[in-house]
Amino acid sequence: RQLTRDHKQVILAGMETHICICQTALDLIAYGKQVFVVEDAVISRSPENKANAIARMREAGCIITNTESLVFEWLGKAEGDAFKVMTKLIR
């Protein structure tokens, strides 16, 4: 697999955490990327499979985060119109 863009950080969300997300995360780590997995934005048919994949990815060096933390981290400050809009959407 070839990565065509030189992004140092990658954020993953999607289906089949224990297959698609996990394999992608492990490949990205092997390519030297910093990988963020959004735990509440990934799913598996089995909760046990999801939990196992999250643990495996964490042990491999992925940063496990959640949607709310990620959005507010992107905002960078707790003020302004964007913050007010996001606060209303999150609640």
N, C-alpha and C. Protein backbone atom coordinates (compact mmCIF):
# COMPACT_ATOMS: atom_id res chain seq x y z
N ARG A 1 0.84 -1.18 0.00
CA ARG A 1 0.00 0.00 0.00
C ARG A 1 0.88 1.24 0.00
N GLN A 2 0.46 2.21 -0.73
CA GLN A 2 1.25 3.44 -0.82
C GLN A 2 0.44 4.62 -0.29
N LEU A 3 1.05 5.37 0.61
CA LEU A 3 0.42 6.59 1.10
C LEU A 3 0.81 7.72 0.19
N THR A 4 -0.18 8.43 -0.33
CA THR A 4 0.12 9.46 -1.32
C THR A 4 0.27 10.85 -0.71
N ARG A 5 -0.12 11.04 0.51
CA ARG A 5 0.00 12.35 1.14
C ARG A 5 0.91 12.25 2.34
N ASP A 6 1.56 13.32 2.65
CA ASP A 6 2.52 13.32 3.74
C ASP A 6 1.92 13.89 5.02
N HIS A 7 0.85 13.29 5.48
CA HIS A 7 0.25 13.70 6.74
C HIS A 7 0.89 12.90 7.87
N LYS A 8 1.30 13.58 8.93
CA LYS A 8 1.94 12.89 10.05
C LYS A 8 0.92 12.25 10.98
N GLN A 9 -0.29 12.82 11.02
CA GLN A 9 -1.33 12.31 11.90
C GLN A 9 -2.52 11.86 11.06
N VAL A 10 -3.14 10.76 11.50
CA VAL A 10 -4.31 10.23 10.81
C VAL A 10 -5.37 9.92 11.86
N ILE A 11 -6.62 10.29 11.55
CA ILE A 11 -7.75 10.01 12.44
C ILE A 11 -8.62 8.96 11.77
N LEU A 12 -8.93 7.90 12.53
CA LEU A 12 -9.72 6.80 11.99
C LEU A 12 -11.08 6.70 12.65
N ALA A 13 -12.10 6.48 11.83
CA ALA A 13 -13.46 6.20 12.28
C ALA A 13 -14.06 5.27 11.24
N GLY A 14 -15.00 4.44 11.64
CA GLY A 14 -15.63 3.57 10.66
C GLY A 14 -16.14 2.26 11.24
N MET A 15 -16.38 1.33 10.34
CA MET A 15 -17.00 0.05 10.72
C MET A 15 -15.97 -1.07 10.81
N GLU A 16 -16.38 -2.10 11.51
CA GLU A 16 -15.57 -3.31 11.72
C GLU A 16 -14.21 -2.98 12.32
N THR A 17 -14.27 -2.45 13.53
CA THR A 17 -13.08 -2.02 14.27
C THR A 17 -12.01 -3.10 14.29
N HIS A 18 -12.42 -4.34 14.52
CA HIS A 18 -11.48 -5.44 14.70
C HIS A 18 -10.86 -5.91 13.38
N ILE A 19 -11.36 -5.43 12.26
CA ILE A 19 -10.81 -5.82 10.97
C ILE A 19 -10.27 -4.58 10.24
N CYS A 20 -11.17 -3.82 9.67
CA CYS A 20 -10.77 -2.68 8.81
C CYS A 20 -9.99 -1.61 9.57
N ILE A 21 -10.53 -1.16 10.69
CA ILE A 21 -9.89 -0.08 11.44
C ILE A 21 -8.56 -0.57 12.02
N CYS A 22 -8.55 -1.74 12.61
CA CYS A 22 -7.34 -2.26 13.24
C CYS A 22 -6.23 -2.48 12.21
N GLN A 23 -6.54 -3.11 11.09
CA GLN A 23 -5.51 -3.36 10.07
C GLN A 23 -4.98 -2.05 9.50
N THR A 24 -5.87 -1.10 9.28
CA THR A 24 -5.45 0.21 8.77
C THR A 24 -4.55 0.91 9.78
N ALA A 25 -4.95 0.88 11.05
CA ALA A 25 -4.17 1.52 12.11
C ALA A 25 -2.77 0.92 12.20
N LEU A 26 -2.69 -0.40 12.19
CA LEU A 26 -1.40 -1.06 12.30
C LEU A 26 -0.51 -0.76 11.10
N ASP A 27 -1.10 -0.72 9.91
CA ASP A 27 -0.33 -0.35 8.71
C ASP A 27 0.19 1.08 8.81
N LEU A 28 -0.67 1.99 9.26
CA LEU A 28 -0.26 3.40 9.37
C LEU A 28 0.86 3.57 10.39
N ILE A 29 0.78 2.86 11.49
CA ILE A 29 1.86 2.91 12.48
C ILE A 29 3.16 2.41 11.86
N ALA A 30 3.06 1.34 11.09
CA ALA A 30 4.25 0.80 10.41
C ALA A 30 4.85 1.82 9.44
N TYR A 31 4.03 2.68 8.89
CA TYR A 31 4.49 3.76 8.01
C TYR A 31 4.99 4.97 8.77
N GLY A 32 4.93 4.91 10.10
CA GLY A 32 5.43 6.01 10.91
C GLY A 32 4.42 7.10 11.21
N LYS A 33 3.15 6.83 11.00
CA LYS A 33 2.12 7.83 11.27
C LYS A 33 1.68 7.79 12.73
N GLN A 34 1.21 8.93 13.22
CA GLN A 34 0.59 8.99 14.53
C GLN A 34 -0.91 8.77 14.29
N VAL A 35 -1.46 7.72 14.88
CA VAL A 35 -2.82 7.30 14.58
C VAL A 35 -3.74 7.57 15.77
N PHE A 36 -4.84 8.25 15.49
CA PHE A 36 -5.89 8.50 16.47
C PHE A 36 -7.10 7.66 16.07
N VAL A 37 -7.63 6.88 17.00
CA VAL A 37 -8.83 6.09 16.77
C VAL A 37 -9.93 6.71 17.62
N VAL A 38 -11.02 7.10 16.98
CA VAL A 38 -12.14 7.75 17.67
C VAL A 38 -13.07 6.64 18.16
N GLU A 39 -12.94 6.32 19.44
CA GLU A 39 -13.60 5.13 20.00
C GLU A 39 -15.11 5.13 19.85
N ASP A 40 -15.74 6.29 19.98
CA ASP A 40 -17.20 6.32 19.84
C ASP A 40 -17.63 6.54 18.38
N ALA A 41 -16.69 6.46 17.45
CA ALA A 41 -16.99 6.58 16.02
C ALA A 41 -16.51 5.34 15.26
N VAL A 42 -16.29 4.25 15.98
CA VAL A 42 -15.97 2.96 15.37
C VAL A 42 -16.92 1.92 15.96
N ILE A 43 -17.15 0.86 15.20
CA ILE A 43 -18.11 -0.15 15.65
C ILE A 43 -17.70 -1.53 15.11
N SER A 44 -18.06 -2.54 15.85
CA SER A 44 -17.97 -3.93 15.40
C SER A 44 -19.30 -4.59 15.74
N ARG A 45 -19.61 -5.67 15.06
CA ARG A 45 -20.85 -6.38 15.37
C ARG A 45 -20.84 -6.91 16.80
N SER A 46 -19.66 -7.25 17.28
CA SER A 46 -19.52 -7.79 18.63
C SER A 46 -18.78 -6.77 19.51
N PRO A 47 -19.37 -6.40 20.66
CA PRO A 47 -18.68 -5.49 21.58
C PRO A 47 -17.33 -6.03 22.04
N GLU A 48 -17.23 -7.36 22.18
CA GLU A 48 -15.98 -7.97 22.60
C GLU A 48 -14.89 -7.78 21.54
N ASN A 49 -15.26 -7.92 20.26
CA ASN A 49 -14.30 -7.71 19.19
C ASN A 49 -13.82 -6.26 19.15
N LYS A 50 -14.74 -5.34 19.36
CA LYS A 50 -14.36 -3.92 19.38
C LYS A 50 -13.40 -3.66 20.53
N ALA A 51 -13.73 -4.14 21.71
CA ALA A 51 -12.89 -3.93 22.89
C ALA A 51 -11.49 -4.51 22.68
N ASN A 52 -11.45 -5.71 22.11
CA ASN A 52 -10.16 -6.35 21.84
C ASN A 52 -9.33 -5.53 20.85
N ALA A 53 -9.97 -5.04 19.80
CA ALA A 53 -9.27 -4.25 18.79
C ALA A 53 -8.77 -2.93 19.37
N ILE A 54 -9.59 -2.28 20.19
CA ILE A 54 -9.18 -1.02 20.83
C ILE A 54 -7.94 -1.27 21.70
N ALA A 55 -7.97 -2.32 22.48
CA ALA A 55 -6.83 -2.65 23.34
C ALA A 55 -5.59 -2.95 22.50
N ARG A 56 -5.76 -3.70 21.44
CA ARG A 56 -4.63 -4.04 20.57
C ARG A 56 -4.03 -2.79 19.93
N MET A 57 -4.89 -1.89 19.44
CA MET A 57 -4.40 -0.67 18.81
C MET A 57 -3.72 0.25 19.82
N ARG A 58 -4.27 0.32 21.02
CA ARG A 58 -3.65 1.14 22.07
C ARG A 58 -2.25 0.61 22.38
N GLU A 59 -2.13 -0.71 22.53
CA GLU A 59 -0.84 -1.33 22.82
C GLU A 59 0.16 -1.12 21.68
N ALA A 60 -0.35 -1.00 20.45
CA ALA A 60 0.51 -0.80 19.29
C ALA A 60 0.94 0.66 19.14
N GLY A 61 0.34 1.54 19.94
CA GLY A 61 0.76 2.94 19.90
C GLY A 61 -0.28 3.92 19.41
N CYS A 62 -1.48 3.47 19.10
CA CYS A 62 -2.55 4.39 18.69
C CYS A 62 -3.02 5.22 19.87
N ILE A 63 -3.46 6.40 19.58
CA ILE A 63 -4.08 7.25 20.59
C ILE A 63 -5.58 7.04 20.47
N ILE A 64 -6.19 6.57 21.54
CA ILE A 64 -7.62 6.32 21.54
C ILE A 64 -8.30 7.56 22.12
N THR A 65 -9.21 8.12 21.36
CA THR A 65 -9.88 9.35 21.78
C THR A 65 -11.38 9.21 21.54
N ASN A 66 -12.12 10.30 21.67
CA ASN A 66 -13.55 10.30 21.43
C ASN A 66 -13.92 11.55 20.64
N THR A 67 -15.10 11.55 20.07
CA THR A 67 -15.53 12.63 19.19
C THR A 67 -15.51 13.98 19.89
N GLU A 68 -16.08 14.05 21.07
CA GLU A 68 -16.16 15.33 21.77
C GLU A 68 -14.78 15.90 22.07
N SER A 69 -13.89 15.08 22.57
CA SER A 69 -12.52 15.53 22.85
C SER A 69 -11.85 16.03 21.59
N LEU A 70 -12.00 15.31 20.51
CA LEU A 70 -11.37 15.66 19.25
C LEU A 70 -11.90 17.00 18.71
N VAL A 71 -13.21 17.17 18.73
CA VAL A 71 -13.81 18.40 18.21
C VAL A 71 -13.34 19.61 19.02
N PHE A 72 -13.36 19.50 20.33
CA PHE A 72 -12.97 20.65 21.14
C PHE A 72 -11.46 20.89 21.08
N GLU A 73 -10.69 19.84 20.86
CA GLU A 73 -9.25 20.03 20.66
C GLU A 73 -9.00 20.79 19.36
N TRP A 74 -9.75 20.46 18.31
CA TRP A 74 -9.62 21.19 17.05
C TRP A 74 -9.98 22.66 17.20
N LEU A 75 -11.01 22.94 18.02
CA LEU A 75 -11.42 24.34 18.22
C LEU A 75 -10.31 25.15 18.88
N GLY A 76 -9.60 24.53 19.80
CA GLY A 76 -8.44 25.18 20.41
C GLY A 76 -8.73 26.14 21.54
N LYS A 77 -9.95 26.64 21.62
CA LYS A 77 -10.28 27.56 22.72
C LYS A 77 -11.77 27.47 23.02
N ALA A 78 -12.10 27.75 24.26
CA ALA A 78 -13.48 27.64 24.73
C ALA A 78 -14.18 28.99 24.65
N GLU A 79 -14.18 29.56 23.46
CA GLU A 79 -14.85 30.84 23.25
C GLU A 79 -15.14 31.03 21.77
N GLY A 80 -15.95 32.01 21.46
CA GLY A 80 -16.24 32.33 20.07
C GLY A 80 -17.45 31.61 19.52
N ASP A 81 -17.82 31.99 18.31
CA ASP A 81 -19.03 31.45 17.67
C ASP A 81 -18.93 29.95 17.41
N ALA A 82 -17.78 29.49 16.93
CA ALA A 82 -17.62 28.06 16.65
C ALA A 82 -17.80 27.23 17.92
N PHE A 83 -17.24 27.70 19.02
CA PHE A 83 -17.39 27.00 20.30
C PHE A 83 -18.86 26.93 20.71
N LYS A 84 -19.57 28.03 20.56
CA LYS A 84 -21.00 28.07 20.94
C LYS A 84 -21.81 27.09 20.09
N VAL A 85 -21.54 27.05 18.81
CA VAL A 85 -22.26 26.16 17.91
C VAL A 85 -21.97 24.69 18.27
N MET A 86 -20.70 24.37 18.47
CA MET A 86 -20.34 23.00 18.79
C MET A 86 -20.89 22.56 20.15
N THR A 87 -20.89 23.46 21.11
CA THR A 87 -21.44 23.15 22.43
C THR A 87 -22.92 22.76 22.32
N LYS A 88 -23.66 23.50 21.50
CA LYS A 88 -25.08 23.19 21.32
C LYS A 88 -25.26 21.86 20.61
N LEU A 89 -24.42 21.55 19.63
CA LEU A 89 -24.52 20.29 18.90
C LEU A 89 -24.18 19.09 19.77
N ILE A 90 -23.20 19.24 20.63
CA ILE A 90 -22.74 18.15 21.48
C ILE A 90 -23.79 17.80 22.54
N ARG A 91 -24.44 18.80 23.06
CA ARG A 91 -25.43 18.55 24.14
C ARG A 91 -26.62 17.91 23.57
